[in-house]
């Protein structure tokens, strides 16, 4: 076997700053010091409750009906 490589992992930033386009900032652990994201939990429709479901074939209603029937 060959020798073990040293320094193979990138530098880790425990308090990397994340900036969302909505204006929210928070810190996470990352291999990049600064991150820019397009959507976060403060502006994502799933978390805000402002979901807009485009359903042309009635698939969502069919799914909800099957799920309700399965719970019975």
N, C-alpha and C. Protein backbone atom coordinates (compact mmCIF):
# COMPACT_ATOMS: atom_id res chain seq x y z
N UNK A 1 0.83 -1.19 0.00
CA UNK A 1 0.00 0.00 0.00
C UNK A 1 0.87 1.24 0.00
N UNK A 2 0.33 2.31 -0.59
CA UNK A 2 1.04 3.57 -0.64
C UNK A 2 0.89 4.33 0.66
N UNK A 3 1.49 5.47 0.72
CA UNK A 3 1.39 6.28 1.93
C UNK A 3 0.01 6.94 2.03
N UNK A 4 -0.41 7.25 3.24
CA UNK A 4 -1.71 7.87 3.47
C UNK A 4 -1.62 9.35 3.15
N UNK A 5 -2.59 9.85 2.40
CA UNK A 5 -2.60 11.26 2.04
C UNK A 5 -3.05 12.09 3.23
N UNK A 6 -2.39 13.20 3.42
CA UNK A 6 -2.79 14.12 4.49
C UNK A 6 -3.48 15.33 3.87
N UNK A 7 -4.26 16.01 4.66
CA UNK A 7 -4.96 17.22 4.21
C UNK A 7 -5.87 16.97 3.01
N UNK A 8 -6.62 15.87 3.03
CA UNK A 8 -7.51 15.58 1.91
C UNK A 8 -8.87 16.23 2.07
N UNK A 9 -9.20 16.63 3.29
CA UNK A 9 -10.50 17.24 3.53
C UNK A 9 -10.42 18.76 3.41
N UNK A 10 -11.48 19.39 2.88
CA UNK A 10 -11.48 20.85 2.79
C UNK A 10 -11.63 21.48 4.17
N UNK A 11 -11.30 22.75 4.26
CA UNK A 11 -11.42 23.47 5.52
C UNK A 11 -12.90 23.56 5.90
N UNK A 12 -13.21 23.37 7.18
CA UNK A 12 -14.58 23.39 7.67
C UNK A 12 -14.83 24.68 8.44
N UNK A 13 -15.92 25.38 8.08
CA UNK A 13 -16.31 26.60 8.77
C UNK A 13 -17.53 26.27 9.63
N UNK A 14 -17.37 26.29 10.93
CA UNK A 14 -18.46 25.94 11.84
C UNK A 14 -19.55 27.00 11.86
N UNK A 15 -19.21 28.23 11.50
CA UNK A 15 -20.21 29.31 11.51
C UNK A 15 -20.26 30.02 10.16
N UNK A 16 -20.52 29.24 9.12
CA UNK A 16 -20.65 29.80 7.77
C UNK A 16 -21.94 30.61 7.68
N UNK A 17 -21.87 31.77 7.06
CA UNK A 17 -23.03 32.65 6.97
C UNK A 17 -23.83 32.33 5.72
N UNK A 18 -25.14 32.09 5.91
CA UNK A 18 -26.06 31.81 4.82
C UNK A 18 -26.95 33.03 4.64
N UNK A 19 -27.06 33.50 3.40
CA UNK A 19 -27.93 34.63 3.08
C UNK A 19 -28.95 34.20 2.04
N UNK A 20 -30.22 34.41 2.34
CA UNK A 20 -31.30 34.06 1.41
C UNK A 20 -31.72 35.32 0.66
N UNK A 21 -32.32 35.15 -0.52
CA UNK A 21 -32.77 36.30 -1.29
C UNK A 21 -33.90 37.05 -0.59
N UNK A 22 -34.59 36.37 0.35
CA UNK A 22 -35.67 37.03 1.09
C UNK A 22 -35.12 37.97 2.15
N UNK A 23 -33.81 37.90 2.42
CA UNK A 23 -33.19 38.80 3.39
C UNK A 23 -32.78 38.12 4.68
N UNK A 24 -33.22 36.91 4.93
CA UNK A 24 -32.89 36.20 6.16
C UNK A 24 -31.45 35.74 6.12
N UNK A 25 -30.77 35.83 7.25
CA UNK A 25 -29.41 35.31 7.38
C UNK A 25 -29.35 34.40 8.60
N UNK A 26 -28.54 33.36 8.49
CA UNK A 26 -28.32 32.44 9.61
C UNK A 26 -26.99 31.74 9.40
N UNK A 27 -26.54 31.01 10.39
CA UNK A 27 -25.25 30.33 10.29
C UNK A 27 -25.44 28.82 10.35
N UNK A 28 -24.57 28.14 9.62
CA UNK A 28 -24.55 26.68 9.58
C UNK A 28 -23.09 26.23 9.48
N UNK A 29 -22.85 24.96 9.61
CA UNK A 29 -21.53 24.41 9.37
C UNK A 29 -21.39 24.05 7.91
N UNK A 30 -20.28 24.45 7.28
CA UNK A 30 -20.11 24.19 5.85
C UNK A 30 -18.64 24.24 5.48
N UNK A 31 -18.34 23.77 4.30
CA UNK A 31 -16.98 23.87 3.78
C UNK A 31 -16.78 25.17 3.03
N UNK A 32 -17.83 25.98 2.92
CA UNK A 32 -17.72 27.30 2.31
C UNK A 32 -18.01 28.34 3.38
N UNK A 33 -17.31 29.45 3.34
CA UNK A 33 -17.46 30.47 4.38
C UNK A 33 -18.76 31.25 4.25
N UNK A 34 -19.20 31.50 3.00
CA UNK A 34 -20.43 32.25 2.75
C UNK A 34 -21.26 31.49 1.72
N UNK A 35 -22.57 31.40 1.98
CA UNK A 35 -23.48 30.73 1.07
C UNK A 35 -24.63 31.67 0.74
N UNK A 36 -25.07 31.66 -0.51
CA UNK A 36 -26.23 32.43 -0.93
C UNK A 36 -27.25 31.46 -1.49
N UNK A 37 -28.47 31.48 -0.91
CA UNK A 37 -29.51 30.56 -1.34
C UNK A 37 -30.70 31.35 -1.87
N UNK A 38 -31.52 30.69 -2.68
CA UNK A 38 -32.68 31.34 -3.28
C UNK A 38 -33.93 31.17 -2.43
N UNK A 39 -33.95 30.16 -1.57
CA UNK A 39 -35.14 29.90 -0.77
C UNK A 39 -34.71 29.27 0.56
N UNK A 40 -35.42 29.64 1.63
CA UNK A 40 -35.12 29.10 2.95
C UNK A 40 -36.43 28.79 3.67
N UNK A 41 -36.36 28.33 4.90
CA UNK A 41 -37.57 27.96 5.62
C UNK A 41 -38.45 29.16 5.94
N UNK A 42 -37.90 30.36 5.90
CA UNK A 42 -38.70 31.56 6.17
C UNK A 42 -39.55 31.96 4.97
N UNK A 43 -39.15 31.55 3.77
CA UNK A 43 -39.90 31.97 2.58
C UNK A 43 -40.41 30.80 1.73
N UNK A 44 -40.09 29.55 2.09
CA UNK A 44 -40.55 28.41 1.32
C UNK A 44 -42.04 28.19 1.56
N UNK A 45 -42.83 27.98 0.50
CA UNK A 45 -44.28 27.83 0.65
C UNK A 45 -44.70 26.70 1.59
N UNK A 46 -43.93 25.64 1.68
CA UNK A 46 -44.29 24.54 2.56
C UNK A 46 -44.29 24.99 4.02
N UNK A 47 -43.33 25.81 4.39
CA UNK A 47 -43.22 26.26 5.78
C UNK A 47 -44.11 27.46 6.07
N UNK A 48 -44.37 28.29 5.08
CA UNK A 48 -45.19 29.49 5.31
C UNK A 48 -46.68 29.20 5.22
N UNK A 49 -47.06 28.08 4.60
CA UNK A 49 -48.47 27.75 4.46
C UNK A 49 -49.12 28.41 3.26
N UNK A 50 -48.34 29.04 2.41
CA UNK A 50 -48.88 29.72 1.23
C UNK A 50 -48.69 28.87 -0.02
N UNK A 51 -48.98 27.58 0.10
CA UNK A 51 -48.81 26.69 -1.04
C UNK A 51 -49.81 27.01 -2.14
N UNK A 52 -49.34 26.94 -3.35
CA UNK A 52 -50.21 27.07 -4.52
C UNK A 52 -50.04 25.79 -5.32
N UNK A 53 -51.07 25.00 -5.34
CA UNK A 53 -51.00 23.73 -6.04
C UNK A 53 -51.68 23.87 -7.40
N UNK A 54 -50.91 23.67 -8.45
CA UNK A 54 -51.46 23.69 -9.80
C UNK A 54 -51.83 22.26 -10.16
N UNK A 55 -53.13 22.00 -10.23
CA UNK A 55 -53.60 20.66 -10.47
C UNK A 55 -54.62 20.68 -11.59
N UNK A 56 -54.19 20.28 -12.75
CA UNK A 56 -55.09 20.33 -13.91
C UNK A 56 -55.88 19.04 -14.09
N UNK A 57 -55.36 17.94 -13.57
CA UNK A 57 -56.03 16.65 -13.78
C UNK A 57 -56.74 16.14 -12.54
N UNK A 58 -56.80 16.91 -11.46
CA UNK A 58 -57.47 16.48 -10.24
C UNK A 58 -56.68 15.46 -9.45
N UNK A 59 -55.37 15.38 -9.67
CA UNK A 59 -54.54 14.38 -9.00
C UNK A 59 -54.45 14.62 -7.50
N UNK A 60 -54.40 15.87 -7.09
CA UNK A 60 -54.27 16.18 -5.67
C UNK A 60 -55.52 15.72 -4.93
N UNK A 61 -56.70 16.00 -5.48
CA UNK A 61 -57.94 15.58 -4.84
C UNK A 61 -58.02 14.05 -4.76
N UNK A 62 -57.61 13.37 -5.82
CA UNK A 62 -57.60 11.91 -5.83
C UNK A 62 -56.67 11.37 -4.75
N UNK A 63 -55.51 11.98 -4.60
CA UNK A 63 -54.55 11.55 -3.58
C UNK A 63 -55.13 11.76 -2.19
N UNK A 64 -55.72 12.93 -1.96
CA UNK A 64 -56.30 13.22 -0.64
C UNK A 64 -57.43 12.25 -0.32
N UNK A 65 -58.24 11.89 -1.31
CA UNK A 65 -59.32 10.93 -1.10
C UNK A 65 -58.79 9.56 -0.77
N UNK A 66 -57.74 9.12 -1.48
CA UNK A 66 -57.14 7.81 -1.19
C UNK A 66 -56.53 7.80 0.21
N UNK A 67 -55.88 8.89 0.58
CA UNK A 67 -55.25 8.96 1.91
C UNK A 67 -56.31 8.93 3.00
N UNK A 68 -57.42 9.64 2.81
CA UNK A 68 -58.50 9.65 3.79
C UNK A 68 -59.12 8.26 3.89
N UNK A 69 -59.29 7.57 2.78
CA UNK A 69 -59.85 6.22 2.79
C UNK A 69 -58.91 5.24 3.47
N UNK A 70 -57.61 5.43 3.33
CA UNK A 70 -56.63 4.54 3.94
C UNK A 70 -56.60 4.69 5.46
N UNK A 71 -56.93 5.86 5.96
CA UNK A 71 -56.91 6.09 7.40
C UNK A 71 -58.10 5.45 8.10
N UNK A 72 -59.16 5.12 7.34
CA UNK A 72 -60.38 4.55 7.94
C UNK A 72 -60.20 3.11 8.33
